[in-house]
């Protein structure tokens, strides 16, 4: 990996209040936008609007970002606001938290959230807890972002979903975008937020294109943190999902519709805070619930949703809650085993049919290639 160290002089100058302004860059009014471009444009516009915003991480500058999310930003804003770091997550995350203590707004990129484990002490103990422990005197406006969850063929140490891990921690806000609208609106909201935000992207979605409206392309656009989106309305079963699994849930809903099952698909968007009211309102309408996630089943996001529905809407349920999750094993490397370890569309279809007491003989096993 081609990375650069940060000189102490440059960092000291930056932390002392360097302000580099650049002309505002408005997104072109296209009808389709990739998630990658949505994230890039959100970073660009927020850096242009607020000189306190800066980006730090491995390969974010000279290399234009490991996944090209920060493409063009070094040339536009310079090395004082787009900082390439050595391969030391604990080091640059700690520096970022310290900068946030002093009123700057760092965006820390992890090449994968699996590497955030090297910096979890800074994220949890230094960033998440400081506002509470200081009785509100210390604000920590920092964003931790990067790809989360399974990619393809990268093994157990690069394939874990951390939504439930960070979602369990008070003081953090945890977001998981699906579409380009999500990516743009939620990242802008995260950067503007006064609290630390964990922003969980998905590598396999970066190149996906989604339709965007003129409103989404406006530089002032942002989405509210803590509010889910009903992607598809239905009356027979509620399906909750986040990140890449939203697309799977929508495809499963199309299959179910052909068989007479009307599925309501909820894109969570926010893991913490969780939009319990939208979820429970949907379940009270459909009387059934299926949760979908890539992460491990035990203590997962789906488990929390199930608990919320049992606590608030138990009397509305007409069937046991169904959970679809990743397998309870470290991610296998072999492609056929990897497919078995990650939820597939047919798994969601089968789960929905079980909840609706329908036979699922026509649905193939997820393990088949």
Protein backbone atom coordinates (compact mmCIF):
# COMPACT_ATOMS: atom_id res chain seq x y z
CA UNK A 1 0.00 0.00 0.00
CA UNK A 2 1.30 3.38 -1.01
CA UNK A 3 0.96 5.61 2.05
CA UNK A 4 2.63 8.77 3.29
CA UNK A 5 3.56 9.82 6.77
CA UNK A 6 2.32 13.12 8.21
CA UNK A 7 5.00 15.52 9.29
CA UNK A 8 4.66 16.88 12.80
CA UNK A 9 5.04 20.39 11.37
CA UNK A 10 2.12 20.01 8.97
CA UNK A 11 -0.10 18.50 11.65
CA UNK A 12 0.74 21.18 14.17
CA UNK A 13 0.02 23.90 11.63
CA UNK A 14 -3.29 22.27 10.79
CA UNK A 15 -4.40 21.83 14.38
CA UNK A 16 -3.52 25.46 15.07
CA UNK A 17 -6.32 26.49 12.80
CA UNK A 18 -5.31 26.36 9.17
CA UNK A 19 -8.27 27.31 6.99
CA UNK A 20 -8.24 26.31 3.33
CA UNK A 21 -11.26 27.47 1.35
CA UNK A 22 -12.34 26.18 -2.05
CA UNK A 23 -15.13 27.05 -4.42
CA UNK A 24 -18.37 25.13 -3.81
CA UNK A 25 -18.80 22.15 -6.08
CA UNK A 26 -22.41 21.38 -6.95
CA UNK A 27 -23.31 17.94 -8.25
CA UNK A 28 -24.48 17.83 -11.84
CA UNK A 29 -28.21 17.34 -12.27
CA UNK A 30 -28.07 13.75 -13.45
CA UNK A 31 -30.86 11.25 -12.87
CA UNK A 32 -28.50 8.39 -11.94
CA UNK A 33 -25.63 8.46 -9.47
CA UNK A 34 -23.36 5.77 -8.09
CA UNK A 35 -22.95 5.37 -4.36
CA UNK A 36 -19.25 6.17 -4.84
CA UNK A 37 -20.05 9.50 -6.49
CA UNK A 38 -22.71 10.25 -3.89
CA UNK A 39 -20.19 9.86 -1.08
CA UNK A 40 -17.53 11.82 -2.95
CA UNK A 41 -19.86 14.72 -3.70
CA UNK A 42 -21.08 14.81 -0.10
CA UNK A 43 -17.50 15.05 1.19
CA UNK A 44 -16.63 17.68 -1.40
CA UNK A 45 -19.60 19.90 -0.64
CA UNK A 46 -19.22 19.67 3.13
CA UNK A 47 -15.50 20.46 2.90
CA UNK A 48 -16.32 23.44 0.69
CA UNK A 49 -19.02 24.68 3.07
CA UNK A 50 -17.05 24.23 6.30
CA UNK A 51 -13.26 24.74 6.51
CA UNK A 52 -13.19 22.76 9.77
CA UNK A 53 -13.94 19.53 7.89
CA UNK A 54 -10.92 17.44 6.92
CA UNK A 55 -10.25 13.84 5.86
CA UNK A 56 -7.60 11.53 7.25
CA UNK A 57 -6.70 7.91 6.58
CA UNK A 58 -4.64 5.48 4.55
CA UNK A 59 -4.39 6.30 0.83
CA UNK A 60 -7.08 8.99 0.94
CA UNK A 61 -4.90 11.56 -0.82
CA UNK A 62 -2.20 10.64 -3.34
CA UNK A 63 -3.92 7.38 -4.26
CA UNK A 64 -7.36 9.09 -4.41
CA UNK A 65 -8.79 6.67 -1.84
CA UNK A 66 -8.56 2.88 -1.71
CA UNK A 67 -12.07 2.79 -3.26
CA UNK A 68 -11.78 6.22 -4.91
CA UNK A 69 -14.27 7.81 -2.53
CA UNK A 70 -11.89 10.75 -1.97
CA UNK A 71 -11.00 11.16 -5.65
CA UNK A 72 -10.00 14.71 -6.53
CA UNK A 73 -10.16 16.07 -3.01
CA UNK A 74 -6.40 16.31 -2.42
CA UNK A 75 -5.92 18.48 -5.52
CA UNK A 76 -8.83 20.69 -4.52
CA UNK A 77 -8.22 21.12 -0.79
CA UNK A 78 -4.54 20.35 -0.33
CA UNK A 79 -2.57 18.07 2.02
CA UNK A 80 -3.59 20.00 5.14
CA UNK A 81 -7.22 18.88 4.70
CA UNK A 82 -6.73 15.55 2.93
CA UNK A 83 -4.10 13.76 5.00
CA UNK A 84 -2.46 10.50 4.00
CA UNK A 85 -1.42 8.56 7.08
CA UNK A 86 0.85 5.64 7.87
CA UNK A 87 -0.80 2.24 8.39
CA UNK A 88 -1.72 2.88 12.01
CA UNK A 89 -5.45 3.04 12.72
CA UNK A 90 -4.84 3.59 16.43
CA UNK A 91 -2.57 6.53 15.60
CA UNK A 92 -4.62 8.49 13.11
CA UNK A 93 -7.95 7.75 14.84
CA UNK A 94 -6.55 9.11 18.11
CA UNK A 95 -5.27 12.20 16.31
CA UNK A 96 -8.71 12.66 14.76
CA UNK A 97 -10.50 12.44 18.10
CA UNK A 98 -8.06 14.98 19.54
CA UNK A 99 -8.73 17.32 16.62
CA UNK A 100 -12.48 16.97 17.24
CA UNK A 101 -11.93 17.93 20.89
CA UNK A 102 -10.46 21.19 19.57
CA UNK A 103 -13.45 22.01 17.36
CA UNK A 104 -12.38 20.57 14.02
CA UNK A 105 -14.57 18.06 12.15
CA UNK A 106 -12.48 15.06 11.10
CA UNK A 107 -13.69 12.38 8.71
CA UNK A 108 -11.65 9.26 9.46
CA UNK A 109 -11.56 6.66 6.71
CA UNK A 110 -10.90 3.02 7.50
CA UNK A 111 -9.86 0.94 4.51
CA UNK A 112 -12.28 -1.59 5.99
CA UNK A 113 -14.14 -1.44 9.28
CA UNK A 114 -12.43 -4.65 10.28
CA UNK A 115 -9.35 -2.48 10.81
CA UNK A 116 -11.29 -0.20 13.15
CA UNK A 117 -10.66 -2.84 15.81
CA UNK A 118 -7.15 -1.39 16.04
CA UNK A 119 -8.74 1.91 17.08
CA UNK A 120 -11.79 0.80 19.05
CA UNK A 121 -10.49 2.31 22.30
CA UNK A 122 -10.41 5.76 20.69
CA UNK A 123 -13.85 5.29 19.09
CA UNK A 124 -15.57 4.00 22.23
CA UNK A 125 -13.69 5.39 25.21
CA UNK A 126 -12.42 8.66 23.77
CA UNK A 127 -15.09 9.69 21.24
CA UNK A 128 -18.37 8.08 22.31
CA UNK A 129 -18.19 8.73 26.05
CA UNK A 130 -16.60 12.16 26.31
CA UNK A 131 -19.74 14.28 25.95
CA UNK A 132 -21.49 12.38 28.74
CA UNK A 133 -18.46 12.20 31.01
CA UNK A 134 -17.84 15.94 30.63
CA UNK A 135 -21.49 16.79 31.40
CA UNK A 136 -21.89 18.13 27.87
CA UNK A 137 -18.81 20.35 27.95
CA UNK A 138 -16.88 18.35 25.33
CA UNK A 139 -18.39 17.86 21.89
CA UNK A 140 -16.79 15.31 19.56
CA UNK A 141 -17.92 16.03 15.96
CA UNK A 142 -16.15 13.20 14.15
CA UNK A 143 -17.16 10.70 11.46
CA UNK A 144 -15.65 7.22 11.18
CA UNK A 145 -16.42 5.85 7.72
CA UNK A 146 -15.44 3.04 5.36
CA UNK A 147 -16.65 -0.29 3.95
CA UNK A 148 -18.32 -2.68 6.39
CA UNK A 149 -19.49 -6.28 6.14
CA UNK A 150 -18.79 -8.95 3.56
CA UNK A 151 -17.19 -8.12 0.23
CA UNK A 152 -16.21 -11.10 -1.94
CA UNK A 153 -13.42 -13.60 -1.37
CA UNK A 154 -11.55 -11.63 1.27
CA UNK A 155 -11.77 -14.12 4.15
CA UNK A 156 -12.92 -13.94 7.75
CA UNK A 157 -10.71 -11.05 8.86
CA UNK A 158 -12.10 -8.66 6.24
CA UNK A 159 -15.77 -9.67 6.11
CA UNK A 160 -17.38 -8.83 9.43
CA UNK A 161 -20.38 -6.56 9.96
CA UNK A 162 -19.89 -4.16 12.88
CA UNK A 163 -23.37 -2.64 12.96
CA UNK A 164 -24.35 -4.49 16.13
CA UNK A 165 -20.94 -3.85 17.77
CA UNK A 166 -21.08 -0.08 17.46
CA UNK A 167 -24.87 0.02 17.71
CA UNK A 168 -24.58 -1.26 21.29
CA UNK A 169 -22.54 1.73 22.45
CA UNK A 170 -24.18 4.83 23.99
CA UNK A 171 -22.73 8.08 22.67
CA UNK A 172 -22.33 6.87 19.10
CA UNK A 173 -24.67 7.34 16.17
CA UNK A 174 -24.46 4.49 13.66
CA UNK A 175 -25.61 4.87 10.04
CA UNK A 176 -25.76 2.30 7.23
CA UNK A 177 -26.71 3.71 3.79
CA UNK A 178 -28.13 1.63 0.96
CA UNK A 179 -28.80 3.90 -2.03
CA UNK A 180 -27.07 6.97 -3.45
CA UNK A 181 -29.69 9.14 -1.76
CA UNK A 182 -28.88 7.46 1.55
CA UNK A 183 -25.14 7.83 1.05
CA UNK A 184 -25.31 11.51 0.16
CA UNK A 185 -27.93 12.59 2.65
CA UNK A 186 -26.69 10.58 5.60
CA UNK A 187 -23.00 11.45 5.15
CA UNK A 188 -23.84 15.14 5.03
CA UNK A 189 -25.91 14.75 8.20
CA UNK A 190 -23.10 12.81 9.87
CA UNK A 191 -20.49 15.49 9.12
CA UNK A 192 -22.79 18.24 10.41
CA UNK A 193 -23.70 16.33 13.57
CA UNK A 194 -22.04 17.41 16.85
CA UNK A 195 -21.62 13.81 18.03
CA UNK A 196 -19.38 10.94 16.82
CA UNK A 197 -20.93 9.01 13.95
CA UNK A 198 -19.97 5.55 12.68
CA UNK A 199 -20.78 5.44 8.97
CA UNK A 200 -20.96 1.88 7.63
CA UNK A 201 -20.72 1.66 3.85
CA UNK A 202 -20.68 -1.46 1.67
CA UNK A 203 -17.88 -2.10 -0.80
CA UNK A 204 -20.15 -3.99 -3.20
CA UNK A 205 -22.53 -1.03 -3.41
CA UNK A 206 -19.93 1.59 -4.37
CA UNK A 207 -20.38 1.02 -8.10
CA UNK A 208 -24.17 0.62 -7.98
CA UNK A 209 -26.22 3.39 -9.60
CA UNK A 210 -29.48 4.69 -8.16
CA UNK A 211 -31.92 7.36 -9.34
CA UNK A 212 -31.60 10.68 -7.55
CA UNK A 213 -33.89 13.70 -7.60
CA UNK A 214 -32.96 17.35 -7.97
CA UNK A 215 -33.59 17.75 -4.24
CA UNK A 216 -31.00 15.08 -3.44
CA UNK A 217 -28.45 16.81 -5.67
CA UNK A 218 -28.88 20.15 -3.92
CA UNK A 219 -25.91 21.04 -1.74
CA UNK A 220 -28.16 21.75 1.24
CA UNK A 221 -29.71 18.26 1.15
CA UNK A 222 -29.37 15.98 4.15
CA UNK A 223 -31.37 13.16 5.74
CA UNK A 224 -32.50 13.02 9.36
CA UNK A 225 -30.49 10.67 11.56
CA UNK A 226 -32.68 8.08 13.26
CA UNK A 227 -35.40 7.90 10.60
CA UNK A 228 -36.01 4.76 8.52
CA UNK A 229 -37.44 4.77 4.99
CA UNK A 230 -40.25 2.57 3.76
CA UNK A 231 -38.83 1.51 0.39
CA UNK A 232 -41.87 -0.56 -0.57
CA UNK A 233 -45.30 -0.59 1.02
CA UNK A 234 -47.09 -3.85 1.76
CA UNK A 235 -49.78 -5.37 3.94
CA UNK A 236 -48.84 -9.00 4.65
CA UNK A 237 -45.36 -8.90 6.22
CA UNK A 238 -42.77 -6.33 7.33
CA UNK A 239 -39.17 -6.89 6.19
CA UNK A 240 -36.45 -4.79 7.83
CA UNK A 241 -32.97 -4.54 6.33
CA UNK A 242 -29.99 -2.21 6.03
CA UNK A 243 -27.13 -1.61 3.62
CA UNK A 244 -26.78 -4.21 0.84
CA UNK A 245 -29.54 -6.37 2.29
CA UNK A 246 -32.14 -3.72 1.41
CA UNK A 247 -31.63 -4.55 -2.26
CA UNK A 248 -31.99 -8.25 -1.52
CA UNK A 249 -35.17 -7.59 0.45
CA UNK A 250 -36.66 -5.57 -2.41
CA UNK A 251 -35.91 -8.35 -4.90
CA UNK A 252 -37.42 -10.89 -2.52
CA UNK A 253 -40.52 -8.70 -2.23
CA UNK A 254 -40.92 -8.79 -6.02
CA UNK A 255 -40.82 -12.60 -5.97
CA UNK A 256 -43.27 -12.74 -3.07
CA UNK A 257 -45.67 -10.39 -4.88
CA UNK A 258 -45.94 -12.86 -7.75
CA UNK A 259 -47.09 -15.45 -5.22
CA UNK A 260 -49.66 -13.19 -3.60
CA UNK A 261 -47.65 -12.00 -0.60
CA UNK A 262 -47.43 -8.22 -0.15
CA UNK A 263 -44.20 -7.34 1.67
CA UNK A 264 -43.41 -3.97 3.21
CA UNK A 265 -39.65 -3.31 3.03
CA UNK A 266 -38.08 -0.93 5.56
CA UNK A 267 -34.62 0.49 4.91
CA UNK A 268 -33.36 1.13 8.45
CA UNK A 269 -30.73 3.70 7.40
CA UNK A 270 -29.95 4.35 11.07
CA UNK A 271 -28.84 1.54 13.39
CA UNK A 272 -28.46 3.84 16.37
CA UNK A 273 -30.78 5.57 17.02
CA UNK A 274 -33.16 2.90 15.73
CA UNK A 275 -36.48 4.05 14.26
CA UNK A 276 -38.62 1.85 16.48
CA UNK A 277 -41.81 3.80 15.79
CA UNK A 278 -41.71 3.17 12.02
CA UNK A 279 -40.93 -0.51 12.54
CA UNK A 280 -43.68 -1.03 15.09
CA UNK A 281 -46.23 0.91 13.06
CA UNK A 282 -45.49 -1.33 10.09
CA UNK A 283 -45.77 -4.52 12.14
CA UNK A 284 -49.09 -3.36 13.57
CA UNK A 285 -50.30 -3.08 9.97
CA UNK A 286 -48.85 -6.31 8.53
CA UNK A 287 -48.90 -8.47 11.71
CA UNK A 288 -45.69 -10.24 10.71
CA UNK A 289 -41.98 -9.44 10.90
CA UNK A 290 -38.85 -10.67 9.12
CA UNK A 291 -35.48 -9.08 9.91
CA UNK A 292 -32.54 -9.33 7.51
CA UNK A 293 -28.85 -8.61 8.15
CA UNK A 294 -25.41 -9.82 7.08
CA UNK A 295 -24.08 -9.88 10.62
CA UNK A 296 -23.97 -12.70 13.14
CA UNK A 297 -27.35 -13.80 14.58
CA UNK A 298 -26.46 -13.64 18.27
CA UNK A 299 -26.92 -10.15 19.78
CA UNK A 300 -27.55 -8.78 16.30
CA UNK A 301 -29.49 -5.80 14.93
CA UNK A 302 -32.35 -8.16 14.08
CA UNK A 303 -32.42 -9.40 17.66
CA UNK A 304 -32.83 -5.83 18.92
CA UNK A 305 -35.64 -5.20 16.43
CA UNK A 306 -37.38 -8.40 17.49
CA UNK A 307 -37.14 -7.36 21.15
CA UNK A 308 -38.60 -3.95 20.35
CA UNK A 309 -41.56 -5.45 18.49
CA UNK A 310 -42.23 -8.03 21.22
CA UNK A 311 -42.12 -5.29 23.85
CA UNK A 312 -44.32 -2.82 21.99
CA UNK A 313 -46.46 -4.76 19.49
CA UNK A 314 -46.61 -8.38 20.66
CA UNK A 315 -50.40 -8.54 20.57
CA UNK A 316 -50.37 -7.60 16.87
CA UNK A 317 -48.18 -10.54 15.77
CA UNK A 318 -49.95 -13.35 13.90
CA UNK A 319 -46.81 -15.48 13.52
CA UNK A 320 -43.42 -15.97 15.18
CA UNK A 321 -40.82 -13.38 14.19
CA UNK A 322 -38.37 -14.63 11.54
CA UNK A 323 -34.69 -13.65 11.48
CA UNK A 324 -32.40 -13.97 8.46
CA UNK A 325 -28.74 -13.31 9.22
CA UNK A 326 -25.23 -14.37 8.38
CA UNK A 327 -24.12 -17.79 9.56
CA UNK A 328 -22.77 -18.02 13.10
CA UNK A 329 -19.24 -18.78 11.86
CA UNK A 330 -16.22 -16.75 10.76
CA UNK A 331 -16.58 -16.00 7.06
CA UNK A 332 -15.27 -18.89 4.90
CA UNK A 333 -12.88 -18.07 2.06
CA UNK A 334 -14.19 -20.62 -0.47
CA UNK A 335 -16.79 -19.02 -2.77
CA UNK A 336 -19.42 -21.74 -2.33
CA UNK A 337 -19.12 -21.67 1.45
CA UNK A 338 -19.08 -17.86 1.50
CA UNK A 339 -22.40 -17.83 -0.33
CA UNK A 340 -23.88 -20.16 2.29
CA UNK A 341 -22.66 -17.89 5.08
CA UNK A 342 -24.33 -14.72 3.75
CA UNK A 343 -28.11 -14.25 3.37
CA UNK A 344 -29.41 -14.72 -0.16
CA UNK A 345 -32.64 -13.55 -1.79
CA UNK A 346 -34.11 -17.03 -1.64
CA UNK A 347 -33.45 -17.17 2.10
CA UNK A 348 -35.56 -14.04 2.56
CA UNK A 349 -38.33 -15.49 0.38
CA UNK A 350 -38.38 -18.70 2.41
CA UNK A 351 -38.43 -16.79 5.70
CA UNK A 352 -41.34 -14.62 4.55
CA UNK A 353 -43.26 -17.69 3.42
CA UNK A 354 -42.71 -19.34 6.77
CA UNK A 355 -44.09 -16.28 8.54
CA UNK A 356 -47.10 -16.29 6.22
CA UNK A 357 -47.59 -20.06 6.61
CA UNK A 358 -46.96 -20.72 2.94
CA UNK A 359 -45.08 -23.71 1.51
CA UNK A 360 -41.69 -22.89 0.00
CA UNK A 361 -41.03 -25.99 -2.09
CA UNK A 362 -40.34 -24.02 -5.27
CA UNK A 363 -37.55 -21.93 -3.73
CA UNK A 364 -34.02 -23.31 -4.31
CA UNK A 365 -31.52 -23.66 -1.48
CA UNK A 366 -29.19 -20.71 -0.95
CA UNK A 367 -26.19 -23.03 -1.04
CA UNK A 368 -26.63 -23.82 -4.73
CA UNK A 369 -24.36 -21.89 -7.06
